[in-house]
Amino acid sequence: MSPRQAPPPQYDGAPVSFLLAAGTRLTRIHSAEFAVTDFNPTMARHSLGGGRFDATPDESYGFLYAAEDDATAVSEVLLRDLPLDERGARLLPHARLRNLRIGWLTVNRDLQLVGLRAGRDLAAIGQDTWLTTGPASDYELTRAWAAAIRGWAPWCSGLTWRSHREPEGLAYVLFEDRLPSDCLADVSSGVPLTGEDQCLDDGIGRLYVERILETYRVALV
């Protein structure tokens, strides 16, 4: 049976728990409209735009995407659907950096997430890697799975999975309605960029991200 289908209505399994330990530092590339610890309240109303596990009108919650390191955060946000040039390198339009910032946060207490990192984790909910690697055209379905997982695991504060574009790194989504208000702390001051240097459109922030992009053979154009 193909994994590209709606969640099973009579699921009787047990999602796998993953401990996100207190003190863990996460990296976030986010819209300048939000602070690094702000949750996005925007509900996805169609398959175009938005993220893999966004909230929907049927399952409303604030969400925050982050990664375990800077390279994974850059990969998740900036390496989507990039064209190759004649040398096999990829090209990133500079416009993609507009209105983006990079920042760092920590969790102040242990959090239980649903793990989607390994084949066994995904099998536990009746899925495979399609859920975490499928194209944006499938996001209406993956969001339905996020809603179902929240129902199957009322104890979970979010999800974690292997980054599609940097499989060595973990990506996260945290659910605002499952977290205490003081659970996240902004630790962006001085590690390694502060203030306006965290803006990616120009200056030091752009140079910082450009060095990471170069390791993936991605050039700004």
C-alpha atoms as a PDB file:
ATOM      1  CA  MET A   1       0.000   0.000   0.000  1.00  0.00           C
ATOM      2  CA  SER A   2       1.330   3.446  -0.902  1.00  0.00           C
ATOM      3  CA  PRO A   3       2.192   5.761   1.996  1.00  0.00           C
ATOM      4  CA  ARG A   4       0.763   8.651  -0.011  1.00  0.00           C
ATOM      5  CA  GLN A   5      -2.687   8.421   1.499  1.00  0.00           C
ATOM      6  CA  ALA A   6      -4.765   9.790   4.345  1.00  0.00           C
ATOM      7  CA  PRO A   7      -3.974   8.650   7.922  1.00  0.00           C
ATOM      8  CA  PRO A   8      -5.692   5.418   8.990  1.00  0.00           C
ATOM      9  CA  PRO A   9      -8.960   6.240  10.788  1.00  0.00           C
ATOM     10  CA  GLN A  10      -8.644   3.266  13.184  1.00  0.00           C
ATOM     11  CA  TYR A  11      -4.927   3.512  14.008  1.00  0.00           C
ATOM     12  CA  ASP A  12      -4.052   1.326  17.002  1.00  0.00           C
ATOM     13  CA  GLY A  13      -0.259   1.705  17.240  1.00  0.00           C
ATOM     14  CA  ALA A  14       2.044   3.732  19.475  1.00  0.00           C
ATOM     15  CA  PRO A  15       4.163   6.624  18.101  1.00  0.00           C
ATOM     16  CA  VAL A  16       7.817   6.548  19.141  1.00  0.00           C
ATOM     17  CA  SER A  17       8.896   9.088  21.757  1.00  0.00           C
ATOM     18  CA  PHE A  18      12.049  11.191  21.316  1.00  0.00           C
ATOM     19  CA  LEU A  19      13.541  13.232  24.174  1.00  0.00           C
ATOM     20  CA  LEU A  20      14.587  16.772  23.309  1.00  0.00           C
ATOM     21  CA  ALA A  21      16.690  17.450  26.384  1.00  0.00           C
ATOM     22  CA  ALA A  22      16.644  20.691  28.345  1.00  0.00           C
ATOM     23  CA  GLY A  23      19.516  22.927  27.319  1.00  0.00           C
ATOM     24  CA  THR A  24      19.561  21.765  23.685  1.00  0.00           C
ATOM     25  CA  ARG A  25      20.415  24.608  21.318  1.00  0.00           C
ATOM     26  CA  LEU A  26      18.525  24.857  18.045  1.00  0.00           C
ATOM     27  CA  THR A  27      19.050  26.987  14.942  1.00  0.00           C
ATOM     28  CA  ARG A  28      16.223  28.747  13.211  1.00  0.00           C
ATOM     29  CA  ILE A  29      16.033  30.617   9.911  1.00  0.00           C
ATOM     30  CA  HIS A  30      12.842  32.598  10.076  1.00  0.00           C
ATOM     31  CA  SER A  31      10.909  35.558   8.760  1.00  0.00           C
ATOM     32  CA  ALA A  32      12.003  38.917  10.136  1.00  0.00           C
ATOM     33  CA  GLU A  33       8.353  39.399  11.117  1.00  0.00           C
ATOM     34  CA  PHE A  34       8.943  36.995  14.017  1.00  0.00           C
ATOM     35  CA  ALA A  35      11.395  36.820  16.900  1.00  0.00           C
ATOM     36  CA  VAL A  36      13.454  33.637  17.070  1.00  0.00           C
ATOM     37  CA  THR A  37      11.198  32.157  19.779  1.00  0.00           C
ATOM     38  CA  ASP A  38       7.913  33.248  18.177  1.00  0.00           C
ATOM     39  CA  PHE A  39       5.500  30.655  16.842  1.00  0.00           C
ATOM     40  CA  ASN A  40       3.950  31.085  13.421  1.00  0.00           C
ATOM     41  CA  PRO A  41       0.144  31.271  13.730  1.00  0.00           C
ATOM     42  CA  THR A  42      -0.512  31.076   9.973  1.00  0.00           C
ATOM     43  CA  MET A  43      -2.832  28.285   8.897  1.00  0.00           C
ATOM     44  CA  ALA A  44      -2.134  26.582   5.565  1.00  0.00           C
ATOM     45  CA  ARG A  45      -5.261  26.727   3.428  1.00  0.00           C
ATOM     46  CA  HIS A  46      -3.921  25.041   0.278  1.00  0.00           C
ATOM     47  CA  SER A  47      -0.993  22.927  -0.879  1.00  0.00           C
ATOM     48  CA  LEU A  48       0.956  25.853  -2.349  1.00  0.00           C
ATOM     49  CA  GLY A  49       3.296  27.531   0.125  1.00  0.00           C
ATOM     50  CA  GLY A  50       3.926  26.813   3.762  1.00  0.00           C
ATOM     51  CA  GLY A  51       5.722  23.912   5.390  1.00  0.00           C
ATOM     52  CA  ARG A  52       5.392  20.170   5.699  1.00  0.00           C
ATOM     53  CA  PHE A  53       3.692  20.113   9.095  1.00  0.00           C
ATOM     54  CA  ASP A  54       1.934  23.483   9.246  1.00  0.00           C
ATOM     55  CA  ALA A  55      -1.356  24.005  11.024  1.00  0.00           C
ATOM     56  CA  THR A  56      -4.587  23.929   9.018  1.00  0.00           C
ATOM     57  CA  PRO A  57      -8.127  25.198   9.634  1.00  0.00           C
ATOM     58  CA  ASP A  58      -9.004  21.663  10.753  1.00  0.00           C
ATOM     59  CA  GLU A  59      -6.103  21.497  13.251  1.00  0.00           C
ATOM     60  CA  SER A  60      -5.071  24.939  14.445  1.00  0.00           C
ATOM     61  CA  TYR A  61      -1.855  25.525  16.423  1.00  0.00           C
ATOM     62  CA  GLY A  62       1.145  27.824  16.420  1.00  0.00           C
ATOM     63  CA  PHE A  63       4.243  26.095  15.032  1.00  0.00           C
ATOM     64  CA  LEU A  64       7.988  26.707  15.029  1.00  0.00           C
ATOM     65  CA  TYR A  65      10.449  24.975  12.697  1.00  0.00           C
ATOM     66  CA  ALA A  66      14.088  24.631  13.772  1.00  0.00           C
ATOM     67  CA  ALA A  67      17.138  22.428  13.204  1.00  0.00           C
ATOM     68  CA  GLU A  68      19.874  20.940  15.325  1.00  0.00           C
ATOM     69  CA  ASP A  69      22.651  22.944  13.630  1.00  0.00           C
ATOM     70  CA  ASP A  70      23.235  25.843  11.254  1.00  0.00           C
ATOM     71  CA  ALA A  71      23.952  23.748   8.167  1.00  0.00           C
ATOM     72  CA  THR A  72      20.733  21.768   8.559  1.00  0.00           C
ATOM     73  CA  ALA A  73      18.713  24.951   9.049  1.00  0.00           C
ATOM     74  CA  VAL A  74      20.211  26.441   5.885  1.00  0.00           C
ATOM     75  CA  SER A  75      19.554  23.212   3.985  1.00  0.00           C
ATOM     76  CA  GLU A  76      15.927  22.952   5.092  1.00  0.00           C
ATOM     77  CA  VAL A  77      15.020  26.550   4.254  1.00  0.00           C
ATOM     78  CA  LEU A  78      17.233  27.526   1.321  1.00  0.00           C
ATOM     79  CA  LEU A  79      18.022  24.391  -0.707  1.00  0.00           C
ATOM     80  CA  ARG A  80      14.535  23.656  -1.992  1.00  0.00           C
ATOM     81  CA  ASP A  81      14.096  23.145  -5.745  1.00  0.00           C
ATOM     82  CA  LEU A  82      17.336  24.787  -6.865  1.00  0.00           C
ATOM     83  CA  PRO A  83      18.313  24.540 -10.549  1.00  0.00           C
ATOM     84  CA  LEU A  84      21.696  23.143 -11.592  1.00  0.00           C
ATOM     85  CA  ASP A  85      24.090  25.042 -13.805  1.00  0.00           C
ATOM     86  CA  GLU A  86      26.212  23.460 -16.556  1.00  0.00           C
ATOM     87  CA  ARG A  87      28.901  22.511 -13.999  1.00  0.00           C
ATOM     88  CA  GLY A  88      26.533  20.659 -11.698  1.00  0.00           C
ATOM     89  CA  ALA A  89      26.444  23.411  -9.079  1.00  0.00           C
ATOM     90  CA  ARG A  90      23.211  24.925  -7.801  1.00  0.00           C
ATOM     91  CA  LEU A  91      22.085  28.545  -7.975  1.00  0.00           C
ATOM     92  CA  LEU A  92      20.161  30.375  -5.248  1.00  0.00           C
ATOM     93  CA  PRO A  93      18.472  33.660  -6.185  1.00  0.00           C
ATOM     94  CA  HIS A  94      19.493  36.366  -3.738  1.00  0.00           C
ATOM     95  CA  ALA A  95      15.821  37.306  -3.434  1.00  0.00           C
ATOM     96  CA  ARG A  96      15.269  34.098  -1.429  1.00  0.00           C
ATOM     97  CA  LEU A  97      17.233  35.684   1.454  1.00  0.00           C
ATOM     98  CA  ARG A  98      15.058  38.769   1.608  1.00  0.00           C
ATOM     99  CA  ASN A  99      13.289  39.305   4.948  1.00  0.00           C
ATOM    100  CA  LEU A 100      15.004  36.283   6.541  1.00  0.00           C
ATOM    101  CA  ARG A 101      17.025  36.102   9.756  1.00  0.00           C
ATOM    102  CA  ILE A 102      19.078  33.402  11.446  1.00  0.00           C
ATOM    103  CA  GLY A 103      18.878  32.913  15.201  1.00  0.00           C
ATOM    104  CA  TRP A 104      19.450  30.455  18.015  1.00  0.00           C
ATOM    105  CA  LEU A 105      17.278  29.255  20.870  1.00  0.00           C
ATOM    106  CA  THR A 106      17.362  26.705  23.662  1.00  0.00           C
ATOM    107  CA  VAL A 107      14.664  24.626  25.306  1.00  0.00           C
ATOM    108  CA  ASN A 108      14.433  25.175  29.064  1.00  0.00           C
ATOM    109  CA  ARG A 109      13.013  21.787  29.969  1.00  0.00           C
ATOM    110  CA  ASP A 110      12.862  18.234  28.649  1.00  0.00           C
ATOM    111  CA  LEU A 111      10.351  17.844  25.823  1.00  0.00           C
ATOM    112  CA  GLN A 112       8.822  14.651  24.480  1.00  0.00           C
ATOM    113  CA  LEU A 113       8.515  14.683  20.706  1.00  0.00           C
ATOM    114  CA  VAL A 114       7.298  12.050  18.263  1.00  0.00           C
ATOM    115  CA  GLY A 115      10.360  10.618  16.541  1.00  0.00           C
ATOM    116  CA  LEU A 116      10.183  10.171  12.767  1.00  0.00           C
ATOM    117  CA  ARG A 117      13.925   9.677  12.278  1.00  0.00           C
ATOM    118  CA  ALA A 118      14.229   5.986  11.405  1.00  0.00           C
ATOM    119  CA  GLY A 119      12.316   3.369   9.473  1.00  0.00           C
ATOM    120  CA  ARG A 120      11.042   1.841  12.714  1.00  0.00           C
ATOM    121  CA  ASP A 121       9.816   5.244  13.916  1.00  0.00           C
ATOM    122  CA  LEU A 122       7.891   5.794  10.709  1.00  0.00           C
ATOM    123  CA  ALA A 123       6.556   2.228  10.631  1.00  0.00           C
ATOM    124  CA  ALA A 124       5.171   2.762  14.127  1.00  0.00           C
ATOM    125  CA  ILE A 125       2.656   5.219  12.653  1.00  0.00           C
ATOM    126  CA  GLY A 126       2.105   3.299   9.409  1.00  0.00           C
ATOM    127  CA  GLN A 127       4.383   5.465   7.294  1.00  0.00           C
ATOM    128  CA  ASP A 128       7.753   5.523   5.501  1.00  0.00           C
ATOM    129  CA  THR A 129      10.157   8.249   4.370  1.00  0.00           C
ATOM    130  CA  TRP A 130       7.548   9.773   2.049  1.00  0.00           C
ATOM    131  CA  LEU A 131       6.167  11.603   5.103  1.00  0.00           C
ATOM    132  CA  THR A 132       9.426  13.484   5.704  1.00  0.00           C
ATOM    133  CA  THR A 133      10.797  13.709   2.151  1.00  0.00           C
ATOM    134  CA  GLY A 134       7.738  13.982  -0.108  1.00  0.00           C
ATOM    135  CA  PRO A 135       7.432  17.047  -2.401  1.00  0.00           C
ATOM    136  CA  ALA A 136       5.593  20.242  -1.531  1.00  0.00           C
ATOM    137  CA  SER A 137       2.723  19.145  -3.774  1.00  0.00           C
ATOM    138  CA  ASP A 138       1.961  16.513  -1.105  1.00  0.00           C
ATOM    139  CA  TYR A 139       1.917  18.907   1.837  1.00  0.00           C
ATOM    140  CA  GLU A 140      -1.863  18.821   2.174  1.00  0.00           C
ATOM    141  CA  LEU A 141      -1.509  15.131   3.004  1.00  0.00           C
ATOM    142  CA  THR A 142       1.558  15.489   5.251  1.00  0.00           C
ATOM    143  CA  ARG A 143      -0.268  18.168   7.245  1.00  0.00           C
ATOM    144  CA  ALA A 144      -3.160  15.756   7.704  1.00  0.00           C
ATOM    145  CA  TRP A 145      -0.661  13.246   9.082  1.00  0.00           C
ATOM    146  CA  ALA A 146       0.703  15.857  11.504  1.00  0.00           C
ATOM    147  CA  ALA A 147      -2.823  16.450  12.768  1.00  0.00           C
ATOM    148  CA  ALA A 148      -3.383  12.707  13.155  1.00  0.00           C
ATOM    149  CA  ILE A 149      -0.095  12.206  15.019  1.00  0.00           C
ATOM    150  CA  ARG A 150      -1.035  14.994  17.430  1.00  0.00           C
ATOM    151  CA  GLY A 151      -4.218  13.080  18.185  1.00  0.00           C
ATOM    152  CA  TRP A 152      -2.441   9.736  18.571  1.00  0.00           C
ATOM    153  CA  ALA A 153       0.229  11.266  20.851  1.00  0.00           C
ATOM    154  CA  PRO A 154      -1.442  13.908  23.040  1.00  0.00           C
ATOM    155  CA  TRP A 155       1.736  13.928  25.140  1.00  0.00           C
ATOM    156  CA  CYS A 156       3.962  15.187  22.295  1.00  0.00           C
ATOM    157  CA  SER A 157       5.316  18.736  22.053  1.00  0.00           C
ATOM    158  CA  GLY A 158       6.355  18.374  18.417  1.00  0.00           C
ATOM    159  CA  LEU A 159       7.955  16.140  15.788  1.00  0.00           C
ATOM    160  CA  THR A 160      11.541  15.424  14.739  1.00  0.00           C
ATOM    161  CA  TRP A 161      12.855  13.838  11.526  1.00  0.00           C
ATOM    162  CA  ARG A 162      15.939  13.498   9.344  1.00  0.00           C
ATOM    163  CA  SER A 163      16.368  16.550   7.150  1.00  0.00           C
ATOM    164  CA  HIS A 164      15.551  15.706   3.537  1.00  0.00           C
ATOM    165  CA  ARG A 165      18.347  17.940   2.234  1.00  0.00           C
ATOM    166  CA  GLU A 166      20.904  17.223   4.987  1.00  0.00           C
ATOM    167  CA  PRO A 167      20.226  13.677   6.248  1.00  0.00           C
ATOM    168  CA  GLU A 168      22.959  13.919   8.893  1.00  0.00           C
ATOM    169  CA  GLY A 169      20.944  16.607  10.673  1.00  0.00           C
ATOM    170  CA  LEU A 170      17.634  16.626  12.520  1.00  0.00           C
ATOM    171  CA  ALA A 171      14.767  18.981  11.802  1.00  0.00           C
ATOM    172  CA  TYR A 172      12.069  19.865  14.321  1.00  0.00           C
ATOM    173  CA  VAL A 173       8.622  21.359  14.506  1.00  0.00           C
ATOM    174  CA  LEU A 174       7.327  22.434  17.916  1.00  0.00           C
ATOM    175  CA  PHE A 175       3.655  22.983  18.785  1.00  0.00           C
ATOM    176  CA  GLU A 176       2.807  26.121  20.735  1.00  0.00           C
ATOM    177  CA  ASP A 177      -0.289  24.650  22.360  1.00  0.00           C
ATOM    178  CA  ARG A 178       1.760  21.763  23.799  1.00  0.00           C
ATOM    179  CA  LEU A 179       4.527  23.903  25.386  1.00  0.00           C
ATOM    180  CA  PRO A 180       4.707  26.056  28.542  1.00  0.00           C
ATOM    181  CA  SER A 181       5.026  29.747  27.697  1.00  0.00           C
ATOM    182  CA  ASP A 182       8.532  29.971  29.200  1.00  0.00           C
ATOM    183  CA  CYS A 183       9.886  26.849  27.512  1.00  0.00           C
ATOM    184  CA  LEU A 184      12.066  28.563  24.871  1.00  0.00           C
ATOM    185  CA  ALA A 185      14.868  31.069  25.359  1.00  0.00           C
ATOM    186  CA  ASP A 186      16.593  33.316  22.822  1.00  0.00           C
ATOM    187  CA  VAL A 187      20.345  32.682  22.991  1.00  0.00           C
ATOM    188  CA  SER A 188      21.241  34.540  19.798  1.00  0.00           C
ATOM    189  CA  SER A 189      23.362  37.180  21.493  1.00  0.00           C
ATOM    190  CA  GLY A 190      26.937  36.637  20.323  1.00  0.00           C
ATOM    191  CA  VAL A 191      26.545  33.044  19.050  1.00  0.00           C
ATOM    192  CA  PRO A 192      27.865  33.835  16.472  1.00  0.00           C
ATOM    193  CA  LEU A 193      25.870  36.782  15.097  1.00  0.00           C
ATOM    194  CA  THR A 194      23.933  39.477  16.920  1.00  0.00           C
ATOM    195  CA  GLY A 195      21.406  42.164  16.114  1.00  0.00           C
ATOM    196  CA  GLU A 196      21.234  43.288  12.514  1.00  0.00           C
ATOM    197  CA  ASP A 197      24.067  40.895  11.616  1.00  0.00           C
ATOM    198  CA  GLN A 198      21.458  38.113  11.789  1.00  0.00           C
ATOM    199  CA  CYS A 199      19.694  39.541   8.704  1.00  0.00           C
ATOM    200  CA  LEU A 200      20.538  37.393   5.689  1.00  0.00           C
ATOM    201  CA  ASP A 201      19.801  39.875   2.939  1.00  0.00           C
ATOM    202  CA  ASP A 202      23.122  41.683   3.219  1.00  0.00           C
ATOM    203  CA  GLY A 203      26.251  42.262   5.271  1.00  0.00           C
ATOM    204  CA  ILE A 204      27.748  39.814   7.758  1.00  0.00           C
ATOM    205  CA  GLY A 205      24.636  37.638   7.889  1.00  0.00           C
ATOM    206  CA  ARG A 206      24.676  37.104   4.152  1.00  0.00           C
ATOM    207  CA  LEU A 207      28.391  36.250   4.222  1.00  0.00           C
ATOM    208  CA  TYR A 208      27.867  33.802   7.087  1.00  0.00           C
ATOM    209  CA  VAL A 209      25.150  31.891   5.244  1.00  0.00           C
ATOM    210  CA  GLU A 210      27.016  32.133   1.944  1.00  0.00           C
ATOM    211  CA  ARG A 211      29.942  30.220   3.473  1.00  0.00           C
ATOM    212  CA  ILE A 212      27.562  27.420   4.481  1.00  0.00           C
ATOM    213  CA  LEU A 213      25.967  27.408   1.022  1.00  0.00           C
ATOM    214  CA  GLU A 214      29.375  27.014  -0.579  1.00  0.00           C
ATOM    215  CA  THR A 215      29.856  23.681   1.209  1.00  0.00           C
ATOM    216  CA  TYR A 216      26.794  22.448  -0.723  1.00  0.00           C
ATOM    217  CA  ARG A 217      28.067  23.887  -4.033  1.00  0.00           C
ATOM    218  CA  VAL A 218      25.357  26.541  -3.992  1.00  0.00           C
ATOM    219  CA  ALA A 219      26.100  30.025  -5.335  1.00  0.00           C
ATOM    220  CA  LEU A 220      24.052  33.172  -4.786  1.00  0.00           C
ATOM    221  CA  VAL A 221      22.937  34.855  -8.010  1.00  0.00           C
END
